[in-house]
């Protein structure tokens, strides 16, 4: 008997609902703004959401890592 027939746990349902919500959000951004700009707006929304959660938790190291990674991306794509 496979695991596919068992009901999902509460944690699995929550994770699935979260994934579905994010996919819907991305689709909505893309439909409204086009593929490139929609994907960019979706990424900004994710960064804002995760940054806000880190701030509420007081996760200064997480915020610093996020800022460092964003700066690295900026430098990578703006250097010639």
C-alpha atoms as a PDB file:
ATOM      1  CA  UNK A   1       0.000   0.000   0.000  1.00  0.00           C
ATOM      2  CA  UNK A   2       1.428   3.397  -0.951  1.00  0.00           C
ATOM      3  CA  UNK A   3       1.562   6.535   1.189  1.00  0.00           C
ATOM      4  CA  UNK A   4      -0.439   8.429  -1.457  1.00  0.00           C
ATOM      5  CA  UNK A   5      -3.724   7.122  -0.052  1.00  0.00           C
ATOM      6  CA  UNK A   6      -3.212   8.339   3.523  1.00  0.00           C
ATOM      7  CA  UNK A   7      -4.687  11.656   4.628  1.00  0.00           C
ATOM      8  CA  UNK A   8      -2.310  14.582   4.945  1.00  0.00           C
ATOM      9  CA  UNK A   9      -1.123  15.665   8.360  1.00  0.00           C
ATOM     10  CA  UNK A  10      -2.005  19.128   9.620  1.00  0.00           C
ATOM     11  CA  UNK A  11       1.572  20.245   8.882  1.00  0.00           C
ATOM     12  CA  UNK A  12       1.417  18.864   5.325  1.00  0.00           C
ATOM     13  CA  UNK A  13      -1.933  20.565   4.677  1.00  0.00           C
ATOM     14  CA  UNK A  14      -0.542  23.866   5.948  1.00  0.00           C
ATOM     15  CA  UNK A  15       2.552  23.527   3.726  1.00  0.00           C
ATOM     16  CA  UNK A  16       0.405  22.623   0.701  1.00  0.00           C
ATOM     17  CA  UNK A  17      -1.932  25.572   1.296  1.00  0.00           C
ATOM     18  CA  UNK A  18       1.064  27.881   1.618  1.00  0.00           C
ATOM     19  CA  UNK A  19       2.545  26.627  -1.671  1.00  0.00           C
ATOM     20  CA  UNK A  20      -0.802  27.004  -3.418  1.00  0.00           C
ATOM     21  CA  UNK A  21      -1.188  30.551  -2.076  1.00  0.00           C
ATOM     22  CA  UNK A  22       2.295  31.534  -3.271  1.00  0.00           C
ATOM     23  CA  UNK A  23       1.705  30.019  -6.715  1.00  0.00           C
ATOM     24  CA  UNK A  24      -1.559  31.967  -6.982  1.00  0.00           C
ATOM     25  CA  UNK A  25       0.188  35.174  -5.906  1.00  0.00           C
ATOM     26  CA  UNK A  26       2.921  34.677  -8.517  1.00  0.00           C
ATOM     27  CA  UNK A  27       0.343  33.933 -11.212  1.00  0.00           C
ATOM     28  CA  UNK A  28      -1.620  37.060 -10.280  1.00  0.00           C
ATOM     29  CA  UNK A  29       1.509  39.255 -10.432  1.00  0.00           C
ATOM     30  CA  UNK A  30       2.509  37.779 -13.814  1.00  0.00           C
ATOM     31  CA  UNK A  31      -0.972  38.200 -15.263  1.00  0.00           C
ATOM     32  CA  UNK A  32      -1.158  41.799 -14.091  1.00  0.00           C
ATOM     33  CA  UNK A  33       2.395  42.950 -14.928  1.00  0.00           C
ATOM     34  CA  UNK A  34       3.831  40.484 -17.466  1.00  0.00           C
ATOM     35  CA  UNK A  35       6.358  37.683 -16.982  1.00  0.00           C
ATOM     36  CA  UNK A  36       9.504  39.640 -16.043  1.00  0.00           C
ATOM     37  CA  UNK A  37       8.016  42.457 -14.008  1.00  0.00           C
ATOM     38  CA  UNK A  38       5.451  40.133 -12.394  1.00  0.00           C
ATOM     39  CA  UNK A  39       8.181  37.722 -11.281  1.00  0.00           C
ATOM     40  CA  UNK A  40      10.188  40.678  -9.954  1.00  0.00           C
ATOM     41  CA  UNK A  41       7.213  42.036  -7.968  1.00  0.00           C
ATOM     42  CA  UNK A  42       6.579  38.549  -6.585  1.00  0.00           C
ATOM     43  CA  UNK A  43      10.206  38.304  -5.454  1.00  0.00           C
ATOM     44  CA  UNK A  44       9.978  41.708  -3.770  1.00  0.00           C
ATOM     45  CA  UNK A  45       6.784  40.585  -1.989  1.00  0.00           C
ATOM     46  CA  UNK A  46       8.561  37.450  -0.721  1.00  0.00           C
ATOM     47  CA  UNK A  47      11.551  39.448   0.492  1.00  0.00           C
ATOM     48  CA  UNK A  48       9.309  41.918   2.281  1.00  0.00           C
ATOM     49  CA  UNK A  49       7.274  39.148   3.915  1.00  0.00           C
ATOM     50  CA  UNK A  50      10.281  37.153   5.113  1.00  0.00           C
ATOM     51  CA  UNK A  51      12.130  40.293   6.201  1.00  0.00           C
ATOM     52  CA  UNK A  52       9.124  41.420   8.251  1.00  0.00           C
ATOM     53  CA  UNK A  53       8.932  37.993   9.925  1.00  0.00           C
ATOM     54  CA  UNK A  54      12.638  38.143  10.778  1.00  0.00           C
ATOM     55  CA  UNK A  55      12.213  41.627  12.201  1.00  0.00           C
ATOM     56  CA  UNK A  56       9.281  40.542  14.397  1.00  0.00           C
ATOM     57  CA  UNK A  57      11.326  37.591  15.693  1.00  0.00           C
ATOM     58  CA  UNK A  58      14.269  39.883  16.353  1.00  0.00           C
ATOM     59  CA  UNK A  59      16.414  37.846  13.952  1.00  0.00           C
ATOM     60  CA  UNK A  60      19.082  40.476  13.296  1.00  0.00           C
ATOM     61  CA  UNK A  61      21.494  37.906  11.847  1.00  0.00           C
ATOM     62  CA  UNK A  62      18.836  36.742   9.388  1.00  0.00           C
ATOM     63  CA  UNK A  63      18.204  40.326   8.283  1.00  0.00           C
ATOM     64  CA  UNK A  64      21.938  40.888   7.860  1.00  0.00           C
ATOM     65  CA  UNK A  65      22.255  37.715   5.749  1.00  0.00           C
ATOM     66  CA  UNK A  66      19.310  38.840   3.620  1.00  0.00           C
ATOM     67  CA  UNK A  67      20.825  42.299   3.128  1.00  0.00           C
ATOM     68  CA  UNK A  68      24.231  40.760   2.329  1.00  0.00           C
ATOM     69  CA  UNK A  69      22.718  38.377  -0.233  1.00  0.00           C
ATOM     70  CA  UNK A  70      20.716  41.180  -1.874  1.00  0.00           C
ATOM     71  CA  UNK A  71      23.812  43.351  -2.059  1.00  0.00           C
ATOM     72  CA  UNK A  72      25.736  40.451  -3.626  1.00  0.00           C
ATOM     73  CA  UNK A  73      23.051  40.071  -6.296  1.00  0.00           C
ATOM     74  CA  UNK A  74      23.091  43.810  -6.949  1.00  0.00           C
ATOM     75  CA  UNK A  75      26.876  43.855  -7.349  1.00  0.00           C
ATOM     76  CA  UNK A  76      26.852  40.756  -9.560  1.00  0.00           C
ATOM     77  CA  UNK A  77      24.327  42.245 -11.958  1.00  0.00           C
ATOM     78  CA  UNK A  78      25.599  45.834 -12.037  1.00  0.00           C
ATOM     79  CA  UNK A  79      29.363  45.243 -12.434  1.00  0.00           C
ATOM     80  CA  UNK A  80      30.714  45.312 -15.936  1.00  0.00           C
END
